[in-house]
Amino acid sequence: MSKVEDFLTAEEEQEVVNAIREAELNTSGEIRVHIEKSAGSLAPYDRAIEVFYQLKMNNTKLGNGVIIYVAVEDKAFAIYGDKGIDEMVPDNFWNSTKDIIAGHFKHGKFKQGLAEGILMAGEQLKKHFPWQTDDINELPDNISKGH
């Protein structure tokens, strides 16, 4: 088994997916988590952007997709928000969310860090992109994984 599969147990993965669903309940925004072995030669933030586009997260109608990217062996992660959400959140939002996640990660509480970061992003998405009666879930809620 690779470190990617060991990063979260099946139960923890389900709890993260549940956090995504909860965060998306009151917003038209979309949140995804992507876990892979390494960012390779790229900085984690740059790899997060690359994965964001590979997962077609830029196809949301309002540009309100958010990815939390984790490179397990690199012990690194990044958060990237599409243009629509990035223009709306306070300047320090991404850094404060990253600090919350990092605090949990330092203690090996990966599920807790991801869930809390997801819910924080969901609050901002709800504030700026409230759920509308015609909203559809534009992207899958599952955790995507790379090699």
C-alpha atoms as a PDB file:
ATOM      1  CA  MET A   1       0.000   0.000   0.000  1.00  0.00           C
ATOM      2  CA  SER A   2       1.317   3.451  -0.860  1.00  0.00           C
ATOM      3  CA  LYS A   3       1.433   6.390   1.500  1.00  0.00           C
ATOM      4  CA  VAL A   4      -1.453   7.943  -0.442  1.00  0.00           C
ATOM      5  CA  GLU A   5      -3.720   5.087   0.593  1.00  0.00           C
ATOM      6  CA  ASP A   6      -2.402   5.223   4.169  1.00  0.00           C
ATOM      7  CA  PHE A   7      -2.974   8.963   4.542  1.00  0.00           C
ATOM      8  CA  LEU A   8      -6.639   8.543   5.548  1.00  0.00           C
ATOM      9  CA  THR A   9      -8.543   5.444   6.590  1.00  0.00           C
ATOM     10  CA  ALA A  10     -11.700   4.601   4.646  1.00  0.00           C
ATOM     11  CA  GLU A  11     -13.739   5.930   7.579  1.00  0.00           C
ATOM     12  CA  GLU A  12     -11.732   9.175   7.675  1.00  0.00           C
ATOM     13  CA  GLU A  13     -12.160   9.583   3.913  1.00  0.00           C
ATOM     14  CA  GLN A  14     -15.916   9.264   4.349  1.00  0.00           C
ATOM     15  CA  GLU A  15     -15.841  11.911   7.097  1.00  0.00           C
ATOM     16  CA  VAL A  16     -13.951  14.282   4.768  1.00  0.00           C
ATOM     17  CA  VAL A  17     -16.500  13.629   1.991  1.00  0.00           C
ATOM     18  CA  ASN A  18     -19.266  14.313   4.528  1.00  0.00           C
ATOM     19  CA  ALA A  19     -17.555  17.620   5.400  1.00  0.00           C
ATOM     20  CA  ILE A  20     -17.513  18.518   1.684  1.00  0.00           C
ATOM     21  CA  ARG A  21     -21.224  17.720   1.391  1.00  0.00           C
ATOM     22  CA  GLU A  22     -22.007  19.728   4.530  1.00  0.00           C
ATOM     23  CA  ALA A  23     -19.937  22.680   3.307  1.00  0.00           C
ATOM     24  CA  GLU A  24     -21.674  22.611  -0.092  1.00  0.00           C
ATOM     25  CA  LEU A  25     -25.220  22.356   1.336  1.00  0.00           C
ATOM     26  CA  ASN A  26     -25.750  26.114   1.477  1.00  0.00           C
ATOM     27  CA  THR A  27     -23.637  27.267  -1.430  1.00  0.00           C
ATOM     28  CA  SER A  28     -23.298  26.963  -5.168  1.00  0.00           C
ATOM     29  CA  GLY A  29     -19.529  26.662  -4.622  1.00  0.00           C
ATOM     30  CA  GLU A  30     -17.574  23.450  -5.136  1.00  0.00           C
ATOM     31  CA  ILE A  31     -14.831  21.983  -2.937  1.00  0.00           C
ATOM     32  CA  ARG A  32     -12.521  19.088  -3.802  1.00  0.00           C
ATOM     33  CA  VAL A  33      -9.660  17.361  -2.027  1.00  0.00           C
ATOM     34  CA  HIS A  34      -6.862  15.772  -4.048  1.00  0.00           C
ATOM     35  CA  ILE A  35      -4.230  13.542  -2.454  1.00  0.00           C
ATOM     36  CA  GLU A  36      -1.131  12.241  -4.205  1.00  0.00           C
ATOM     37  CA  LYS A  37       2.362  11.003  -3.436  1.00  0.00           C
ATOM     38  CA  SER A  38       4.354  14.063  -4.511  1.00  0.00           C
ATOM     39  CA  ALA A  39       4.094  17.362  -6.334  1.00  0.00           C
ATOM     40  CA  GLY A  40       7.140  16.252  -8.311  1.00  0.00           C
ATOM     41  CA  SER A  41       9.267  19.109  -9.570  1.00  0.00           C
ATOM     42  CA  LEU A  42       6.485  21.645  -8.962  1.00  0.00           C
ATOM     43  CA  ALA A  43       5.803  23.692  -5.861  1.00  0.00           C
ATOM     44  CA  PRO A  44       2.668  22.342  -4.110  1.00  0.00           C
ATOM     45  CA  TYR A  45       0.686  25.496  -4.975  1.00  0.00           C
ATOM     46  CA  ASP A  46       1.596  25.196  -8.652  1.00  0.00           C
ATOM     47  CA  ARG A  47       0.692  21.513  -8.637  1.00  0.00           C
ATOM     48  CA  ALA A  48      -2.631  22.384  -6.950  1.00  0.00           C
ATOM     49  CA  ILE A  49      -3.427  24.724  -9.839  1.00  0.00           C
ATOM     50  CA  GLU A  50      -2.448  22.061 -12.376  1.00  0.00           C
ATOM     51  CA  VAL A  51      -4.698  19.458 -10.673  1.00  0.00           C
ATOM     52  CA  PHE A  52      -7.484  22.055 -10.395  1.00  0.00           C
ATOM     53  CA  TYR A  53      -7.549  22.308 -14.192  1.00  0.00           C
ATOM     54  CA  GLN A  54      -7.058  18.555 -14.740  1.00  0.00           C
ATOM     55  CA  LEU A  55     -10.165  17.942 -12.614  1.00  0.00           C
ATOM     56  CA  LYS A  56     -11.992  20.589 -14.684  1.00  0.00           C
ATOM     57  CA  MET A  57     -12.754  22.578 -11.546  1.00  0.00           C
ATOM     58  CA  ASN A  58     -12.517  25.746 -13.613  1.00  0.00           C
ATOM     59  CA  ASN A  59     -15.801  24.773 -15.287  1.00  0.00           C
ATOM     60  CA  THR A  60     -18.034  26.014 -12.470  1.00  0.00           C
ATOM     61  CA  LYS A  61     -20.472  28.627 -13.691  1.00  0.00           C
ATOM     62  CA  LEU A  62     -19.440  31.251 -11.101  1.00  0.00           C
ATOM     63  CA  GLY A  63     -15.721  30.411 -10.835  1.00  0.00           C
ATOM     64  CA  ASN A  64     -16.217  29.287  -7.256  1.00  0.00           C
ATOM     65  CA  GLY A  65     -14.289  26.039  -7.018  1.00  0.00           C
ATOM     66  CA  VAL A  66     -11.770  25.402  -4.234  1.00  0.00           C
ATOM     67  CA  ILE A  67      -9.178  22.620  -4.150  1.00  0.00           C
ATOM     68  CA  ILE A  68      -7.225  21.418  -1.143  1.00  0.00           C
ATOM     69  CA  TYR A  69      -4.191  19.620  -2.536  1.00  0.00           C
ATOM     70  CA  VAL A  70      -2.049  17.258  -0.433  1.00  0.00           C
ATOM     71  CA  ALA A  71       1.347  15.799  -1.431  1.00  0.00           C
ATOM     72  CA  VAL A  72       1.845  13.042   1.158  1.00  0.00           C
ATOM     73  CA  GLU A  73       5.554  12.220   0.763  1.00  0.00           C
ATOM     74  CA  ASP A  74       6.435  15.909   0.406  1.00  0.00           C
ATOM     75  CA  LYS A  75       4.539  16.616   3.646  1.00  0.00           C
ATOM     76  CA  ALA A  76       3.044  19.614   1.886  1.00  0.00           C
ATOM     77  CA  PHE A  77      -0.347  20.934   0.916  1.00  0.00           C
ATOM     78  CA  ALA A  78      -1.868  23.940  -0.814  1.00  0.00           C
ATOM     79  CA  ILE A  79      -5.247  25.570  -1.232  1.00  0.00           C
ATOM     80  CA  TYR A  80      -6.329  27.152  -4.489  1.00  0.00           C
ATOM     81  CA  GLY A  81      -9.558  29.028  -5.091  1.00  0.00           C
ATOM     82  CA  ASP A  82     -10.858  29.898  -8.545  1.00  0.00           C
ATOM     83  CA  LYS A  83     -11.128  33.537  -9.620  1.00  0.00           C
ATOM     84  CA  GLY A  84     -14.728  34.025  -8.515  1.00  0.00           C
ATOM     85  CA  ILE A  85     -14.129  33.015  -4.901  1.00  0.00           C
ATOM     86  CA  ASP A  86     -10.600  34.421  -4.691  1.00  0.00           C
ATOM     87  CA  GLU A  87     -11.886  37.907  -5.547  1.00  0.00           C
ATOM     88  CA  MET A  88     -14.520  37.723  -2.779  1.00  0.00           C
ATOM     89  CA  VAL A  89     -12.743  36.360   0.287  1.00  0.00           C
ATOM     90  CA  PRO A  90     -10.775  38.565   2.706  1.00  0.00           C
ATOM     91  CA  ASP A  91      -7.080  38.962   1.823  1.00  0.00           C
ATOM     92  CA  ASN A  92      -5.885  36.746   4.682  1.00  0.00           C
ATOM     93  CA  PHE A  93      -8.521  34.028   4.212  1.00  0.00           C
ATOM     94  CA  TRP A  94      -6.425  31.452   2.361  1.00  0.00           C
ATOM     95  CA  ASN A  95      -3.489  31.884   4.748  1.00  0.00           C
ATOM     96  CA  SER A  96      -5.662  31.619   7.858  1.00  0.00           C
ATOM     97  CA  THR A  97      -7.347  28.491   6.459  1.00  0.00           C
ATOM     98  CA  LYS A  98      -3.931  27.044   5.596  1.00  0.00           C
ATOM     99  CA  ASP A  99      -2.715  27.778   9.161  1.00  0.00           C
ATOM    100  CA  ILE A 100      -5.681  25.892  10.659  1.00  0.00           C
ATOM    101  CA  ILE A 101      -5.037  22.864   8.432  1.00  0.00           C
ATOM    102  CA  ALA A 102      -1.275  22.974   9.101  1.00  0.00           C
ATOM    103  CA  GLY A 103      -1.854  23.057  12.858  1.00  0.00           C
ATOM    104  CA  HIS A 104      -3.801  19.792  12.676  1.00  0.00           C
ATOM    105  CA  PHE A 105      -1.417  18.201  10.164  1.00  0.00           C
ATOM    106  CA  LYS A 106       1.581  18.844  12.469  1.00  0.00           C
ATOM    107  CA  HIS A 107      -0.082  16.590  15.044  1.00  0.00           C
ATOM    108  CA  GLY A 108      -0.981  13.881  12.520  1.00  0.00           C
ATOM    109  CA  LYS A 109      -4.661  14.860  12.554  1.00  0.00           C
ATOM    110  CA  PHE A 110      -5.099  14.856   8.783  1.00  0.00           C
ATOM    111  CA  LYS A 111      -8.842  14.201   8.684  1.00  0.00           C
ATOM    112  CA  GLN A 112      -9.462  16.925  11.266  1.00  0.00           C
ATOM    113  CA  GLY A 113      -7.340  19.434   9.331  1.00  0.00           C
ATOM    114  CA  LEU A 114      -9.027  18.703   6.019  1.00  0.00           C
ATOM    115  CA  ALA A 115     -12.524  18.763   7.510  1.00  0.00           C
ATOM    116  CA  GLU A 116     -11.947  22.056   9.309  1.00  0.00           C
ATOM    117  CA  GLY A 117     -10.398  23.667   6.203  1.00  0.00           C
ATOM    118  CA  ILE A 118     -13.306  22.439   4.086  1.00  0.00           C
ATOM    119  CA  LEU A 119     -15.871  23.847   6.487  1.00  0.00           C
ATOM    120  CA  MET A 120     -14.045  27.206   6.637  1.00  0.00           C
ATOM    121  CA  ALA A 121     -14.021  27.397   2.838  1.00  0.00           C
ATOM    122  CA  GLY A 122     -17.698  26.393   2.839  1.00  0.00           C
ATOM    123  CA  GLU A 123     -18.575  29.306   5.134  1.00  0.00           C
ATOM    124  CA  GLN A 124     -16.958  31.775   2.744  1.00  0.00           C
ATOM    125  CA  LEU A 125     -18.602  30.128  -0.246  1.00  0.00           C
ATOM    126  CA  LYS A 126     -21.991  30.275   1.494  1.00  0.00           C
ATOM    127  CA  LYS A 127     -21.465  33.959   2.284  1.00  0.00           C
ATOM    128  CA  HIS A 128     -20.498  34.954  -1.254  1.00  0.00           C
ATOM    129  CA  PHE A 129     -22.213  32.248  -3.321  1.00  0.00           C
ATOM    130  CA  PRO A 130     -25.406  31.266  -1.494  1.00  0.00           C
ATOM    131  CA  TRP A 131     -27.327  28.201  -2.615  1.00  0.00           C
ATOM    132  CA  GLN A 132     -30.040  28.904  -5.193  1.00  0.00           C
ATOM    133  CA  THR A 133     -33.062  26.726  -5.897  1.00  0.00           C
ATOM    134  CA  ASP A 134     -31.701  25.834  -9.339  1.00  0.00           C
ATOM    135  CA  ASP A 135     -28.201  24.897  -8.097  1.00  0.00           C
ATOM    136  CA  ILE A 136     -26.738  21.567  -9.085  1.00  0.00           C
ATOM    137  CA  ASN A 137     -23.673  19.836  -7.678  1.00  0.00           C
ATOM    138  CA  GLU A 138     -21.309  20.594 -10.554  1.00  0.00           C
ATOM    139  CA  LEU A 139     -18.376  18.467  -9.353  1.00  0.00           C
ATOM    140  CA  PRO A 140     -18.074  15.130  -7.522  1.00  0.00           C
ATOM    141  CA  ASP A 141     -17.574  15.285  -3.746  1.00  0.00           C
ATOM    142  CA  ASN A 142     -15.231  12.292  -3.545  1.00  0.00           C
ATOM    143  CA  ILE A 143     -11.537  12.618  -2.774  1.00  0.00           C
ATOM    144  CA  SER A 144      -9.463  12.308  -5.925  1.00  0.00           C
ATOM    145  CA  LYS A 145      -6.095  10.591  -5.784  1.00  0.00           C
ATOM    146  CA  GLY A 146      -2.989  10.671  -7.913  1.00  0.00           C
ATOM    147  CA  HIS A 147       0.194   8.657  -7.941  1.00  0.00           C
END
